[in-house]
């Protein structure tokens, strides 16, 4: 999710499409939160590790 968010951020910036930029920001933030929660050992969605 983090990688997809970054790709959409770049595409939205290069192509000038605001909706891609917005979706990219949202996915990047959600992906970063899930990555941090999984890396500190907090169970995410019933799983100990989130990949």
PDB file of N, CA and C in Angstrom:
ATOM      1  N   UNK A   1       0.826  -1.182   0.000  1.00  0.00           N
ATOM      2  CA  UNK A   1       0.000   0.000   0.000  1.00  0.00           C
ATOM      3  C   UNK A   1       0.878   1.255   0.000  1.00  0.00           C
ATOM      4  N   UNK A   2       1.972   1.157   0.682  1.00  0.00           N
ATOM      5  CA  UNK A   2       2.888   2.291   0.731  1.00  0.00           C
ATOM      6  C   UNK A   2       3.484   2.564  -0.656  1.00  0.00           C
ATOM      7  N   UNK A   3       3.882   1.516  -1.342  1.00  0.00           N
ATOM      8  CA  UNK A   3       4.469   1.675  -2.679  1.00  0.00           C
ATOM      9  C   UNK A   3       3.444   2.210  -3.676  1.00  0.00           C
ATOM     10  N   UNK A   4       2.226   1.699  -3.597  1.00  0.00           N
ATOM     11  CA  UNK A   4       1.164   2.172  -4.490  1.00  0.00           C
ATOM     12  C   UNK A   4       0.862   3.650  -4.241  1.00  0.00           C
ATOM     13  N   UNK A   5       0.864   4.048  -2.981  1.00  0.00           N
ATOM     14  CA  UNK A   5       0.641   5.452  -2.649  1.00  0.00           C
ATOM     15  C   UNK A   5       1.719   6.353  -3.211  1.00  0.00           C
ATOM     16  N   UNK A   6       2.975   5.915  -3.115  1.00  0.00           N
ATOM     17  CA  UNK A   6       4.070   6.720  -3.657  1.00  0.00           C
ATOM     18  C   UNK A   6       4.001   6.814  -5.176  1.00  0.00           C
ATOM     19  N   UNK A   7       3.646   5.716  -5.829  1.00  0.00           N
ATOM     20  CA  UNK A   7       3.508   5.730  -7.286  1.00  0.00           C
ATOM     21  C   UNK A   7       2.402   6.694  -7.713  1.00  0.00           C
ATOM     22  N   UNK A   8       1.263   6.647  -7.009  1.00  0.00           N
ATOM     23  CA  UNK A   8       0.162   7.550  -7.350  1.00  0.00           C
ATOM     24  C   UNK A   8       0.522   9.007  -7.066  1.00  0.00           C
ATOM     25  N   UNK A   9       1.303   9.251  -6.001  1.00  0.00           N
ATOM     26  CA  UNK A   9       1.759  10.616  -5.728  1.00  0.00           C
ATOM     27  C   UNK A   9       2.603  11.156  -6.868  1.00  0.00           C
ATOM     28  N   UNK A  10       3.522  10.354  -7.348  1.00  0.00           N
ATOM     29  CA  UNK A  10       4.407  10.779  -8.433  1.00  0.00           C
ATOM     30  C   UNK A  10       3.622  10.980  -9.721  1.00  0.00           C
ATOM     31  N   UNK A  11       2.747  10.025 -10.037  1.00  0.00           N
ATOM     32  CA  UNK A  11       1.943  10.159 -11.256  1.00  0.00           C
ATOM     33  C   UNK A  11       1.020  11.374 -11.191  1.00  0.00           C
ATOM     34  N   UNK A  12       0.403  11.592 -10.034  1.00  0.00           N
ATOM     35  CA  UNK A  12      -0.478  12.744  -9.881  1.00  0.00           C
ATOM     36  C   UNK A  12       0.265  14.053 -10.033  1.00  0.00           C
ATOM     37  N   UNK A  13       1.499  14.106  -9.537  1.00  0.00           N
ATOM     38  CA  UNK A  13       2.297  15.324  -9.651  1.00  0.00           C
ATOM     39  C   UNK A  13       2.747  15.557 -11.090  1.00  0.00           C
ATOM     40  N   UNK A  14       3.227  14.490 -11.741  1.00  0.00           N
ATOM     41  CA  UNK A  14       3.748  14.625 -13.106  1.00  0.00           C
ATOM     42  C   UNK A  14       2.633  14.929 -14.102  1.00  0.00           C
ATOM     43  N   UNK A  15       1.511  14.226 -13.973  1.00  0.00           N
ATOM     44  CA  UNK A  15       0.420  14.405 -14.928  1.00  0.00           C
ATOM     45  C   UNK A  15      -0.512  15.554 -14.568  1.00  0.00           C
ATOM     46  N   UNK A  16      -0.392  16.059 -13.355  1.00  0.00           N
ATOM     47  CA  UNK A  16      -1.241  17.173 -12.941  1.00  0.00           C
ATOM     48  C   UNK A  16      -2.673  16.772 -12.637  1.00  0.00           C
ATOM     49  N   UNK A  17      -2.882  15.537 -12.216  1.00  0.00           N
ATOM     50  CA  UNK A  17      -4.225  15.052 -11.893  1.00  0.00           C
ATOM     51  C   UNK A  17      -4.375  15.072 -10.370  1.00  0.00           C
ATOM     52  N   UNK A  18      -5.244  15.943  -9.884  1.00  0.00           N
ATOM     53  CA  UNK A  18      -5.370  16.155  -8.446  1.00  0.00           C
ATOM     54  C   UNK A  18      -5.923  14.949  -7.702  1.00  0.00           C
ATOM     55  N   UNK A  19      -6.820  14.179  -8.312  1.00  0.00           N
ATOM     56  CA  UNK A  19      -7.407  13.033  -7.615  1.00  0.00           C
ATOM     57  C   UNK A  19      -6.351  11.956  -7.362  1.00  0.00           C
ATOM     58  N   UNK A  20      -5.409  11.768  -8.293  1.00  0.00           N
ATOM     59  CA  UNK A  20      -4.323  10.808  -8.063  1.00  0.00           C
ATOM     60  C   UNK A  20      -3.422  11.279  -6.931  1.00  0.00           C
ATOM     61  N   UNK A  21      -3.180  12.566  -6.869  1.00  0.00           N
ATOM     62  CA  UNK A  21      -2.362  13.155  -5.804  1.00  0.00           C
ATOM     63  C   UNK A  21      -3.024  12.906  -4.440  1.00  0.00           C
ATOM     64  N   UNK A  22      -4.346  13.128  -4.358  1.00  0.00           N
ATOM     65  CA  UNK A  22      -5.075  12.950  -3.102  1.00  0.00           C
ATOM     66  C   UNK A  22      -5.103  11.485  -2.678  1.00  0.00           C
ATOM     67  N   UNK A  23      -5.407  10.599  -3.602  1.00  0.00           N
ATOM     68  CA  UNK A  23      -5.437   9.172  -3.286  1.00  0.00           C
ATOM     69  C   UNK A  23      -4.048   8.691  -2.894  1.00  0.00           C
ATOM     70  N   UNK A  24      -3.027   9.197  -3.556  1.00  0.00           N
ATOM     71  CA  UNK A  24      -1.654   8.829  -3.224  1.00  0.00           C
ATOM     72  C   UNK A  24      -1.268   9.228  -1.817  1.00  0.00           C
ATOM     73  N   UNK A  25      -1.674  10.418  -1.404  1.00  0.00           N
ATOM     74  CA  UNK A  25      -1.385  10.869  -0.042  1.00  0.00           C
ATOM     75  C   UNK A  25      -2.084   9.977   0.974  1.00  0.00           C
ATOM     76  N   UNK A  26      -3.343   9.672   0.731  1.00  0.00           N
ATOM     77  CA  UNK A  26      -4.116   8.837   1.657  1.00  0.00           C
ATOM     78  C   UNK A  26      -3.495   7.448   1.770  1.00  0.00           C
ATOM     79  N   UNK A  27      -3.171   6.829   0.635  1.00  0.00           N
ATOM     80  CA  UNK A  27      -2.593   5.485   0.666  1.00  0.00           C
ATOM     81  C   UNK A  27      -1.205   5.472   1.304  1.00  0.00           C
ATOM     82  N   UNK A  28      -0.436   6.511   1.086  1.00  0.00           N
ATOM     83  CA  UNK A  28       0.890   6.592   1.686  1.00  0.00           C
ATOM     84  C   UNK A  28       0.789   6.690   3.207  1.00  0.00           C
ATOM     85  N   UNK A  29      -0.125   7.498   3.694  1.00  0.00           N
ATOM     86  CA  UNK A  29      -0.290   7.645   5.148  1.00  0.00           C
ATOM     87  C   UNK A  29      -0.790   6.342   5.773  1.00  0.00           C
ATOM     88  N   UNK A  30      -1.781   5.716   5.168  1.00  0.00           N
ATOM     89  CA  UNK A  30      -2.304   4.456   5.700  1.00  0.00           C
ATOM     90  C   UNK A  30      -1.230   3.370   5.661  1.00  0.00           C
ATOM     91  N   UNK A  31      -0.501   3.286   4.564  1.00  0.00           N
ATOM     92  CA  UNK A  31       0.562   2.298   4.448  1.00  0.00           C
ATOM     93  C   UNK A  31       1.661   2.508   5.472  1.00  0.00           C
ATOM     94  N   UNK A  32       2.023   3.772   5.720  1.00  0.00           N
ATOM     95  CA  UNK A  32       3.054   4.063   6.716  1.00  0.00           C
ATOM     96  C   UNK A  32       2.592   3.692   8.117  1.00  0.00           C
ATOM     97  N   UNK A  33       1.339   3.973   8.437  1.00  0.00           N
ATOM     98  CA  UNK A  33       0.806   3.625   9.754  1.00  0.00           C
ATOM     99  C   UNK A  33       0.789   2.113   9.945  1.00  0.00           C
ATOM    100  N   UNK A  34       0.338   1.377   8.934  1.00  0.00           N
ATOM    101  CA  UNK A  34       0.317  -0.088   9.048  1.00  0.00           C
ATOM    102  C   UNK A  34       1.726  -0.658   9.139  1.00  0.00           C
ATOM    103  N   UNK A  35       2.658  -0.087   8.410  1.00  0.00           N
ATOM    104  CA  UNK A  35       4.041  -0.552   8.445  1.00  0.00           C
ATOM    105  C   UNK A  35       4.647  -0.317   9.826  1.00  0.00           C
ATOM    106  N   UNK A  36       4.421   0.855  10.385  1.00  0.00           N
ATOM    107  CA  UNK A  36       4.957   1.155  11.719  1.00  0.00           C
ATOM    108  C   UNK A  36       4.320   0.264  12.776  1.00  0.00           C
ATOM    109  N   UNK A  37       3.018   0.078  12.704  1.00  0.00           N
ATOM    110  CA  UNK A  37       2.341  -0.779  13.681  1.00  0.00           C
ATOM    111  C   UNK A  37       2.845  -2.219  13.594  1.00  0.00           C
ATOM    112  N   UNK A  38       3.053  -2.705  12.392  1.00  0.00           N
ATOM    113  CA  UNK A  38       3.548  -4.063  12.220  1.00  0.00           C
ATOM    114  C   UNK A  38       4.991  -4.219  12.660  1.00  0.00           C
ATOM    115  N   UNK A  39       5.789  -3.184  12.477  1.00  0.00           N
ATOM    116  CA  UNK A  39       7.202  -3.295  12.821  1.00  0.00           C
ATOM    117  C   UNK A  39       7.448  -3.240  14.321  1.00  0.00           C
ATOM    118  N   UNK A  40       6.566  -2.620  15.080  1.00  0.00           N
ATOM    119  CA  UNK A  40       6.738  -2.568  16.530  1.00  0.00           C
ATOM    120  C   UNK A  40       6.109  -3.763  17.229  1.00  0.00           C
ATOM    121  N   UNK A  41       5.511  -4.658  16.467  1.00  0.00           N
ATOM    122  CA  UNK A  41       4.967  -5.887  17.039  1.00  0.00           C
ATOM    123  C   UNK A  41       3.496  -5.828  17.373  1.00  0.00           C
ATOM    124  N   UNK A  42       2.830  -4.734  17.071  1.00  0.00           N
ATOM    125  CA  UNK A  42       1.397  -4.615  17.323  1.00  0.00           C
ATOM    126  C   UNK A  42       0.644  -5.417  16.270  1.00  0.00           C
ATOM    127  N   UNK A  43      -0.308  -6.224  16.687  1.00  0.00           N
ATOM    128  CA  UNK A  43      -1.076  -7.040  15.742  1.00  0.00           C
ATOM    129  C   UNK A  43      -1.955  -6.144  14.870  1.00  0.00           C
ATOM    130  N   UNK A  44      -1.855  -6.306  13.570  1.00  0.00           N
ATOM    131  CA  UNK A  44      -2.639  -5.516  12.621  1.00  0.00           C
ATOM    132  C   UNK A  44      -3.574  -6.469  11.886  1.00  0.00           C
ATOM    133  N   UNK A  45      -4.866  -6.294  12.080  1.00  0.00           N
ATOM    134  CA  UNK A  45      -5.840  -7.144  11.408  1.00  0.00           C
ATOM    135  C   UNK A  45      -5.715  -8.610  11.802  1.00  0.00           C
ATOM    136  N   UNK A  46      -5.355  -8.858  13.057  1.00  0.00           N
ATOM    137  CA  UNK A  46      -5.222 -10.233  13.537  1.00  0.00           C
ATOM    138  C   UNK A  46      -3.903 -10.898  13.184  1.00  0.00           C
ATOM    139  N   UNK A  47      -2.995 -10.172  12.567  1.00  0.00           N
ATOM    140  CA  UNK A  47      -1.696 -10.727  12.190  1.00  0.00           C
ATOM    141  C   UNK A  47      -0.605 -10.018  12.986  1.00  0.00           C
ATOM    142  N   UNK A  48       0.388 -10.758  13.364  1.00  0.00           N
ATOM    143  CA  UNK A  48       1.499 -10.187  14.110  1.00  0.00           C
ATOM    144  C   UNK A  48       2.401  -9.346  13.194  1.00  0.00           C
ATOM    145  N   UNK A  49       2.544  -9.753  11.934  1.00  0.00           N
ATOM    146  CA  UNK A  49       3.363  -9.010  10.976  1.00  0.00           C
ATOM    147  C   UNK A  49       2.500  -8.602   9.805  1.00  0.00           C
ATOM    148  N   UNK A  50       2.690  -7.397   9.335  1.00  0.00           N
ATOM    149  CA  UNK A  50       1.965  -6.907   8.167  1.00  0.00           C
ATOM    150  C   UNK A  50       2.977  -6.667   7.046  1.00  0.00           C
ATOM    151  N   UNK A  51       2.788  -7.376   5.942  1.00  0.00           N
ATOM    152  CA  UNK A  51       3.729  -7.260   4.824  1.00  0.00           C
ATOM    153  C   UNK A  51       3.068  -6.557   3.682  1.00  0.00           C
TER     154      UNK A  51
END
